Protein backbone atom coordinates (compact mmCIF):
# COMPACT_ATOMS: atom_id res chain seq x y z
CA MET A 1 -20.43 16.56 -66.01
CA LYS A 2 -17.72 14.86 -64.27
CA THR A 3 -16.35 18.32 -63.15
CA ARG A 4 -19.61 19.36 -61.96
CA LEU A 5 -19.96 16.11 -59.97
CA ALA A 6 -16.74 16.66 -57.94
CA LEU A 7 -17.42 20.20 -57.80
CA LEU A 8 -20.37 19.04 -55.77
CA LEU A 9 -19.48 16.24 -54.13
CA ALA A 10 -15.70 18.59 -52.72
CA CYS A 11 -18.93 20.26 -51.23
CA VAL A 12 -20.75 17.94 -49.66
CA LEU A 13 -17.98 15.19 -47.95
CA PRO A 14 -16.61 17.90 -45.34
CA ILE A 15 -20.02 18.17 -44.36
CA ALA A 16 -20.64 13.77 -44.19
CA ALA A 17 -17.64 14.19 -42.54
CA PHE A 18 -18.18 15.90 -39.69
CA ALA A 19 -21.63 14.31 -39.34
CA THR A 20 -20.81 11.36 -36.23
CA GLU A 21 -22.74 10.00 -33.17
CA ARG A 22 -20.27 11.10 -30.84
CA VAL A 23 -17.75 13.68 -30.23
CA THR A 24 -14.58 14.03 -27.96
CA ILE A 25 -13.71 17.08 -26.01
CA THR A 26 -10.68 17.75 -24.44
CA VAL A 27 -10.07 20.50 -21.64
CA ALA A 28 -6.59 21.49 -20.76
CA HIS A 29 -4.78 24.32 -18.55
CA ASP A 30 -1.83 25.75 -17.10
CA LEU A 31 -1.71 25.51 -13.77
CA ASP A 32 -0.70 23.09 -10.74
CA ILE A 33 -3.17 23.73 -8.29
CA ALA A 34 -6.24 21.65 -7.70
CA ARG A 35 -9.34 22.94 -10.25
CA GLN A 36 -12.45 21.66 -7.93
CA SER A 37 -15.84 21.76 -9.71
CA GLU A 38 -14.02 23.52 -12.60
CA THR A 39 -16.82 24.54 -15.09
CA ILE A 40 -16.79 23.70 -18.62
CA THR A 41 -18.42 25.02 -21.52
CA VAL A 42 -19.28 24.43 -25.04
CA PRO A 43 -21.20 26.50 -27.67
CA TRP A 44 -24.07 23.63 -28.46
CA SER A 45 -23.07 24.77 -32.06
CA GLU A 46 -19.69 22.95 -31.38
CA ILE A 47 -21.82 20.57 -30.66
CA SER A 48 -24.95 20.73 -33.52
CA SER A 49 -22.51 20.85 -35.96
CA ARG A 50 -21.07 17.80 -35.43
CA MET A 51 -23.97 16.15 -34.27
CA PRO A 52 -26.96 17.00 -36.25
CA GLY A 53 -30.14 16.78 -34.87
CA ALA A 54 -28.87 16.14 -31.10
CA LEU A 55 -31.27 16.90 -28.23
CA LEU A 56 -30.41 18.04 -24.70
CA GLN A 57 -32.88 15.34 -23.13
CA ARG A 58 -31.22 12.54 -25.56
CA ILE A 59 -27.34 12.86 -25.07
CA ALA A 60 -25.00 11.32 -22.42
CA VAL A 61 -21.73 13.45 -21.56
CA ARG A 62 -19.19 10.79 -20.35
CA ASN A 63 -15.69 11.04 -18.80
CA TRP A 64 -12.35 9.07 -19.22
CA LYS A 65 -13.14 6.22 -17.47
CA GLY A 66 -16.55 6.31 -19.79
CA GLU A 67 -19.07 7.11 -16.57
CA SER A 68 -22.12 9.55 -17.04
CA ILE A 69 -21.55 12.48 -15.57
CA PRO A 70 -24.05 15.21 -15.07
CA TYR A 71 -24.56 18.22 -17.47
CA GLN A 72 -27.02 21.54 -18.49
CA VAL A 73 -28.15 23.19 -21.61
CA THR A 74 -28.60 26.25 -21.39
CA ASN A 75 -30.82 28.27 -23.75
CA VAL A 76 -29.03 31.64 -24.49
CA ALA A 77 -28.67 31.39 -27.55
CA PRO A 78 -29.16 33.82 -30.45
CA GLN A 79 -31.60 31.48 -32.34
CA SER A 80 -34.90 31.55 -29.64
CA LYS A 81 -36.93 29.37 -31.90
CA ASP A 82 -36.18 25.82 -33.16
CA PRO A 83 -39.51 25.05 -35.58
CA GLU A 84 -37.60 21.87 -36.50
CA LYS A 85 -36.83 20.65 -33.40
CA LYS A 86 -32.93 20.08 -34.49
CA GLY A 87 -31.43 21.63 -31.39
CA ILE A 88 -30.23 24.98 -32.74
CA ALA A 89 -31.68 27.15 -29.99
CA TYR A 90 -29.34 25.74 -27.69
CA GLY A 91 -26.71 27.95 -25.98
CA ASP A 92 -24.24 26.39 -24.10
CA LEU A 93 -23.33 22.96 -22.96
CA ILE A 94 -22.21 22.57 -19.45
CA PHE A 95 -20.54 20.18 -16.93
CA GLN A 96 -17.94 20.37 -14.54
CA HIS A 97 -14.45 18.28 -13.21
CA ASP A 98 -12.43 18.09 -10.76
CA PHE A 99 -8.54 18.76 -11.60
CA ALA A 100 -6.68 17.42 -8.70
CA ALA A 101 -2.96 19.08 -8.63
CA GLY A 102 -1.04 18.56 -11.55
CA GLU A 103 -3.49 17.62 -13.49
CA LYS A 104 -3.76 19.35 -16.54
CA SER A 105 -5.69 17.62 -19.18
CA ALA A 106 -9.04 15.52 -19.26
CA VAL A 107 -11.10 14.01 -21.62
CA PHE A 108 -14.73 13.65 -22.27
CA THR A 109 -17.27 12.33 -24.51
CA VAL A 110 -20.73 13.38 -26.13
CA GLU A 111 -22.93 11.13 -27.78
CA LYS A 112 -26.14 10.31 -29.15
CA ILE A 113 -28.27 8.13 -26.70
CA ASP A 114 -31.76 6.29 -27.86
CA THR A 115 -33.03 6.81 -24.33
CA VAL A 116 -34.05 9.94 -22.30
CA ALA A 117 -31.20 10.95 -19.95
CA PRO A 118 -31.38 11.46 -16.43
CA VAL A 119 -32.61 14.46 -14.52
CA PHE A 120 -29.41 15.47 -12.23
CA PRO A 121 -29.34 17.25 -8.97
CA THR A 122 -29.78 20.42 -8.29
CA LYS A 123 -26.96 22.47 -7.02
CA VAL A 124 -28.01 25.47 -7.93
CA PHE A 125 -31.29 27.86 -7.83
CA ALA A 126 -32.40 31.17 -8.17
CA ARG A 127 -36.03 32.88 -7.11
CA TYR A 128 -38.01 35.70 -6.90
CA VAL A 129 -39.17 35.30 -3.44
CA PRO A 130 -42.99 37.89 -3.21
CA GLU A 131 -43.93 36.13 -0.38
CA ARG A 132 -41.19 38.06 1.82
CA LEU A 133 -41.48 41.63 0.33
CA ASP A 134 -40.16 41.13 -3.03
CA ASP A 135 -36.32 39.48 -1.77
CA PHE A 136 -34.55 38.05 -4.78
CA ALA A 137 -32.75 35.02 -3.40
CA TRP A 138 -30.03 32.76 -4.86
CA GLU A 139 -27.73 29.41 -3.48
CA ASN A 140 -25.35 27.01 -4.70
CA ASP A 141 -24.14 23.94 -2.51
CA LYS A 142 -21.71 25.94 -0.73
CA VAL A 143 -23.37 29.53 0.47
CA ALA A 144 -26.79 31.41 -0.24
CA HIS A 145 -27.37 35.15 -1.00
CA ARG A 146 -30.50 37.17 -1.48
CA THR A 147 -30.99 40.91 -2.15
CA TYR A 148 -34.56 43.57 -1.51
CA GLY A 149 -37.03 44.45 -3.90
CA PRO A 150 -39.19 47.58 -4.12
CA ALA A 151 -41.91 46.38 -2.15
CA LEU A 152 -39.06 46.17 1.18
CA GLY A 153 -37.74 49.87 0.28
CA ALA A 154 -41.74 51.02 -0.24
CA PRO A 155 -42.57 52.97 2.73
CA ALA A 156 -45.17 51.69 5.62
CA GLU A 157 -48.92 52.43 6.10
CA PRO A 158 -49.21 53.53 9.63
CA GLY A 159 -49.92 50.25 11.69
CA SER A 160 -48.72 48.01 8.92
CA GLY A 161 -45.48 47.44 11.24
CA LYS A 162 -44.31 46.45 7.64
CA GLU A 163 -40.14 46.59 7.11
CA VAL A 164 -38.09 49.15 5.51
CA LEU A 165 -34.97 49.03 4.32
CA VAL A 166 -33.68 50.68 1.61
CA ALA A 167 -30.37 48.89 0.32
CA SER A 168 -28.94 47.44 -2.72
CA GLY A 169 -26.07 45.64 -0.75
CA LEU A 170 -25.78 41.59 -1.14
CA ASP A 171 -27.10 39.61 2.37
CA VAL A 172 -24.90 36.32 2.78
CA TRP A 173 -26.92 33.33 4.42
CA SER A 174 -24.58 30.87 5.34
CA LYS A 175 -24.88 27.06 4.54
CA ARG A 176 -23.40 23.94 6.07
CA VAL A 177 -25.49 21.59 3.25
CA ASP A 178 -25.04 20.81 0.30
CA TYR A 179 -28.55 20.51 -0.78
CA PRO A 180 -30.77 23.33 -1.50
CA ILE A 181 -32.15 25.86 1.27
CA VAL A 182 -33.93 28.61 0.35
CA ASP A 183 -37.32 27.61 -0.26
CA ARG A 184 -37.02 25.43 3.26
CA TRP A 185 -36.11 28.46 5.20
CA TYR A 186 -38.69 31.08 3.44
CA ASN A 187 -41.25 28.17 4.33
CA LYS A 188 -40.29 28.85 7.72
CA GLY A 189 -41.53 31.97 8.31
CA HIS A 190 -39.53 35.01 8.61
CA ASP A 191 -36.85 35.64 11.00
CA HIS A 192 -36.86 31.44 11.64
CA TYR A 193 -33.53 31.30 10.19
CA HIS A 194 -31.55 33.04 12.30
CA THR A 195 -30.97 30.16 14.34
CA ASP A 196 -29.16 27.43 13.23
CA GLN A 197 -31.10 24.18 13.44
CA GLY A 198 -28.48 21.80 11.15
CA GLU A 199 -28.79 23.68 8.14
CA GLY A 200 -27.10 26.83 8.47
CA MET A 201 -28.59 30.36 9.15
CA ASP A 202 -29.01 34.28 8.69
CA MET A 203 -25.96 35.37 10.35
CA TYR A 204 -25.02 38.24 8.13
CA GLN A 205 -25.86 42.25 8.73
CA VAL A 206 -26.49 44.19 5.25
CA GLY A 207 -28.63 47.29 6.48
CA PRO A 208 -27.12 50.10 4.62
CA THR A 209 -24.07 48.95 3.72
CA ARG A 210 -22.61 47.19 0.16
CA GLY A 211 -23.21 43.82 2.10
CA CYS A 212 -21.10 41.17 0.48
CA GLY A 213 -20.54 42.46 -3.03
CA GLY A 214 -22.99 45.49 -3.61
CA THR A 215 -22.04 48.08 -6.25
CA GLY A 216 -21.77 52.23 -6.31
CA ILE A 217 -20.45 55.56 -7.86
CA TRP A 218 -16.87 56.37 -5.79
CA ASP A 219 -16.13 60.13 -6.07
CA GLY A 220 -12.52 59.67 -4.13
CA LYS A 221 -14.19 60.21 -0.63
CA THR A 222 -18.43 59.42 -0.81
CA LEU A 223 -20.03 56.38 -2.39
CA ALA A 224 -23.13 57.42 -4.16
CA VAL A 225 -25.54 54.18 -4.40
CA GLY A 226 -28.80 53.01 -5.51
CA ARG A 227 -32.19 51.63 -4.01
CA ASN A 228 -33.67 47.99 -4.09
CA TYR A 229 -33.43 45.98 -7.39
CA ARG A 230 -36.46 46.91 -9.75
CA ALA A 231 -36.68 43.83 -11.96
CA TRP A 232 -35.69 40.76 -12.89
CA LYS A 233 -35.15 37.81 -14.98
CA VAL A 234 -34.18 34.45 -14.48
CA ILE A 235 -32.12 33.40 -17.46
CA ALA A 236 -30.70 29.45 -16.50
CA ASN A 237 -31.79 27.73 -13.96
CA GLY A 238 -29.12 24.70 -13.24
CA PRO A 239 -28.53 21.82 -12.24
CA ILE A 240 -24.78 23.47 -12.71
CA ARG A 241 -25.09 27.04 -13.47
CA ALA A 242 -27.80 29.56 -12.67
CA ILE A 243 -27.85 32.66 -14.91
CA PHE A 244 -30.25 35.93 -13.37
CA GLU A 245 -30.27 39.63 -13.88
CA LEU A 246 -31.20 42.49 -11.46
CA ALA A 247 -32.10 46.10 -12.92
CA TYR A 248 -31.75 48.50 -10.86
CA ASP A 249 -33.37 52.17 -10.67
CA ALA A 250 -30.94 55.57 -11.47
CA TRP A 251 -29.75 57.14 -9.07
CA ASP A 252 -27.65 60.60 -8.63
CA ALA A 253 -24.07 59.46 -8.50
CA HIS A 254 -22.24 63.07 -7.86
CA GLY A 255 -24.12 64.73 -10.64
CA ILE A 256 -24.56 62.13 -13.20
CA GLN A 257 -27.38 60.06 -13.43
CA VAL A 258 -26.59 56.42 -13.48
CA SER A 259 -28.72 53.00 -13.88
CA GLU A 260 -27.37 49.69 -13.33
CA THR A 261 -28.21 46.24 -14.29
CA LYS A 262 -26.23 42.64 -12.75
CA ARG A 263 -25.73 39.38 -14.34
CA PHE A 264 -25.47 36.68 -12.09
CA THR A 265 -23.69 33.83 -12.86
CA VAL A 266 -23.64 31.16 -9.87
CA ASP A 267 -21.40 27.65 -10.25
CA ALA A 268 -22.14 24.86 -8.32
CA GLY A 269 -19.02 23.96 -6.47
CA HIS A 270 -17.99 27.58 -5.82
CA GLN A 271 -17.85 30.27 -2.83
CA LEU A 272 -18.01 33.36 -4.88
CA ASP A 273 -20.31 34.29 -7.79
CA ARG A 274 -19.52 35.60 -11.43
CA ILE A 275 -21.33 39.17 -11.35
CA GLU A 276 -20.89 41.55 -14.06
CA SER A 277 -22.10 45.28 -13.37
CA THR A 278 -22.97 47.25 -16.51
CA PHE A 279 -23.46 50.87 -15.50
CA THR A 280 -25.91 52.89 -18.05
CA VAL A 281 -25.86 57.54 -17.46
CA VAL A 282 -28.89 58.34 -18.37
CA SER A 283 -28.48 62.44 -17.65
CA GLY A 284 -25.45 64.28 -18.12
CA SER A 285 -22.31 62.74 -19.29
CA ALA A 286 -19.23 60.27 -18.55
CA ALA A 287 -16.46 58.26 -20.44
CA THR A 288 -16.01 56.14 -17.27
CA VAL A 289 -16.90 55.86 -13.75
CA ASN A 290 -15.31 55.17 -11.13
CA ALA A 291 -17.55 51.46 -9.83
CA ALA A 292 -16.53 50.39 -6.27
CA VAL A 293 -17.84 47.16 -4.86
CA GLY A 294 -17.85 46.71 -1.58
CA LEU A 295 -17.98 44.71 1.60
CA ASN A 296 -19.77 46.03 4.85
CA LYS A 297 -17.36 46.67 7.81
CA ASN A 298 -19.26 45.42 10.54
CA PRO A 299 -21.22 42.29 9.43
CA ALA A 300 -21.44 40.37 12.25
CA ASP A 301 -24.72 39.70 13.54
CA ARG A 302 -25.70 41.53 16.98
CA GLY A 303 -23.83 40.45 19.70
CA GLN A 304 -21.26 38.12 18.45
CA GLU A 305 -18.54 40.62 19.90
CA PRO A 306 -16.58 40.04 16.18
CA LYS A 307 -13.06 39.78 15.91
CA ILE A 308 -12.46 41.21 11.98
CA GLU A 309 -8.51 40.32 9.97
CA VAL A 310 -9.25 42.39 6.72
CA VAL A 311 -7.14 40.85 3.70
CA ARG A 312 -5.83 43.09 0.69
CA ASP A 313 -4.30 42.82 -2.39
CA PRO A 314 -4.92 45.67 -4.56
CA ALA A 315 -2.76 43.40 -7.33
CA LEU A 316 -5.98 40.95 -7.89
CA GLY A 317 -8.38 43.44 -6.65
CA LEU A 318 -9.00 41.80 -3.45
CA VAL A 319 -10.73 42.81 -0.27
CA ALA A 320 -11.85 39.54 2.53
CA GLN A 321 -12.54 39.39 5.55
CA TRP A 322 -12.20 36.66 8.20
CA ILE A 323 -14.97 37.01 10.71
CA GLU A 324 -15.29 35.56 14.33
CA GLN A 325 -17.82 35.71 15.79
CA LYS A 326 -18.98 34.84 19.50
CA THR A 327 -21.35 31.85 19.25
CA ASN A 328 -21.77 31.28 15.58
CA ASP A 329 -18.05 30.58 14.54
CA SER A 330 -16.09 32.01 11.79
CA LEU A 331 -17.08 33.83 8.27
CA GLY A 332 -15.11 34.92 5.41
CA THR A 333 -16.12 37.68 3.07
CA ALA A 334 -14.59 38.81 -0.02
CA VAL A 335 -14.90 40.55 -3.58
CA LEU A 336 -12.20 40.06 -6.18
CA LEU A 337 -11.80 42.21 -9.75
CA PRO A 338 -8.56 40.84 -10.80
CA GLY A 339 -6.66 42.43 -14.09
CA VAL A 340 -8.79 45.87 -13.63
CA GLY A 341 -6.45 47.84 -12.36
CA ALA A 342 -8.42 48.19 -9.07
CA THR A 343 -7.47 50.49 -6.23
CA SER A 344 -8.29 49.93 -2.26
CA ALA A 345 -10.48 52.33 -0.59
CA GLU A 346 -13.34 52.73 2.30
CA ASP A 347 -16.05 55.27 3.77
CA ASP A 348 -17.51 54.90 7.36
CA ARG A 349 -19.77 51.65 6.56
CA ASN A 350 -17.77 49.81 3.49
CA LEU A 351 -14.43 48.49 2.63
CA LEU A 352 -13.95 49.16 -0.88
CA VAL A 353 -12.15 47.68 -4.27
CA VAL A 354 -12.47 50.61 -6.83
CA ALA A 355 -12.46 50.22 -10.90
CA PRO A 356 -13.09 51.97 -13.69
CA ALA A 357 -16.08 51.39 -15.88
CA THR A 358 -17.28 52.01 -18.84
CA PRO A 359 -21.05 52.94 -19.07
CA GLY A 360 -22.75 50.26 -21.07
CA GLN A 361 -19.54 47.73 -21.08
CA PRO A 362 -20.28 45.08 -18.17
CA LEU A 363 -17.42 45.53 -14.98
CA ARG A 364 -16.71 41.71 -14.25
CA TYR A 365 -16.19 40.59 -10.99
CA TRP A 366 -16.69 38.28 -8.01
CA ALA A 367 -18.04 38.26 -4.18
CA GLY A 368 -18.96 35.63 -1.90
CA ALA A 369 -18.40 33.93 1.05
CA ALA A 370 -17.41 30.39 3.33
CA TRP A 371 -18.57 30.00 6.75
CA SER A 372 -15.90 27.95 8.99
CA ARG A 373 -18.96 25.21 10.78
CA ALA A 374 -19.41 23.69 6.69
CA GLY A 375 -16.18 22.44 7.60
CA GLU A 376 -14.12 23.02 4.23
CA ILE A 377 -12.79 26.44 5.29
CA THR A 378 -12.20 26.82 8.60
CA SER A 379 -9.43 29.73 8.67
CA LYS A 380 -8.08 32.97 8.17
CA ASP A 381 -5.34 31.54 5.58
CA ALA A 382 -7.27 28.56 4.68
CA TRP A 383 -9.76 31.28 2.95
CA GLU A 384 -7.13 33.80 1.59
CA ALA A 385 -5.24 30.34 0.04
CA TYR A 386 -8.54 29.51 -1.14
CA LEU A 387 -9.20 33.00 -2.48
CA ARG A 388 -5.41 33.29 -4.05
CA ASP A 389 -6.16 30.04 -5.98
CA PHE A 390 -9.50 31.18 -7.53
CA ALA A 391 -7.72 34.51 -8.57
CA ARG A 392 -5.09 32.38 -10.92
CA ARG A 393 -8.29 30.23 -11.94
CA VAL A 394 -9.73 33.20 -13.30
CA GLN A 395 -6.79 34.32 -15.01
CA SER A 396 -5.59 31.11 -16.41
CA PRO A 397 -8.66 30.20 -18.03
CA VAL A 398 -9.24 26.22 -19.33
CA ARG A 399 -8.91 25.33 -23.22
CA VAL A 400 -11.67 23.33 -24.81
CA SER A 401 -10.75 21.47 -27.51
CA ILE A 402 -13.12 19.45 -29.57
CA ALA A 403 -12.48 16.43 -31.94
CA PRO A 404 -13.81 15.91 -34.91
């Protein structure tokens, strides 16, 4: 009997020892540079295993000073049901920290609280926009984007005057405020946001190009591209991170039929979004495809007489532009594919970064923009420095440890 009791205690005590009302999270990295708005993700399973019964509305995340900081809990998890209300359907706990230059670690606590946690200001946002011909738009506190849906690509009825554009490129909306503007601008009415009234403006041309981060399949001479997105899905929507997917119907890509799904991860405080493109060969066969990510060569507003400087760094899979416009000030754009063996190319419309992609497996890249009128990145040199630091951060991610 004593032996059986000892075995039972040996099984139970380790679980009880880990149960607590608070956990400590240590985040470390190896770079000397500042890492502003560093996004920290912790699998919720790591939290719930140490704090059984913890719920997203009843926790606080605190920095080393004991100050409560904004957080987000996603529902992206293998377990989609939570009948006993234990929090097992949650995905990740997400929060951010501004690492100063030379600050290589930071400590946080997560604890249960008796009150309801506050609703934190939303810095990211993504939505389908049926009122503007099926646009899909997204933003953070730095920059906004949109892309084009089925209604915009559909033929116009005679006499309707409907706009028609067949394009899978990505648009840029330049912001100079840190609050959400997507709904405000659409509510103003189409084309009203082409004038800066203190919040920003649409000063970017896409047309049939790749815009800022659109994709295609490259055969060494020509770029085969898809049409407007077919379907959308929002997976998470702030306050710190938005995640959504866009699906594209198959198109002819140099003898094979290829479809694509893009997953976007949009974090607060970043000029670039993470995009994961997964290509599927639906007709024909190919072990790999040469995926190309592009920037429109001439994206300036009409009549702006742009001066465009280009930065390339094949080692980082980087192509960037600094576009000085006559009255709209300057806009930086970029795509970044570090660590995938990318090469440079171009066609008559686009600057391209080309990398091999395996069908069914995501190709990860980053794309985004910065407007000088926002007052943070105001020169080509500053834009290039930001991008190189961003690439270093991508290649040297933070490390997260949890105790107890």
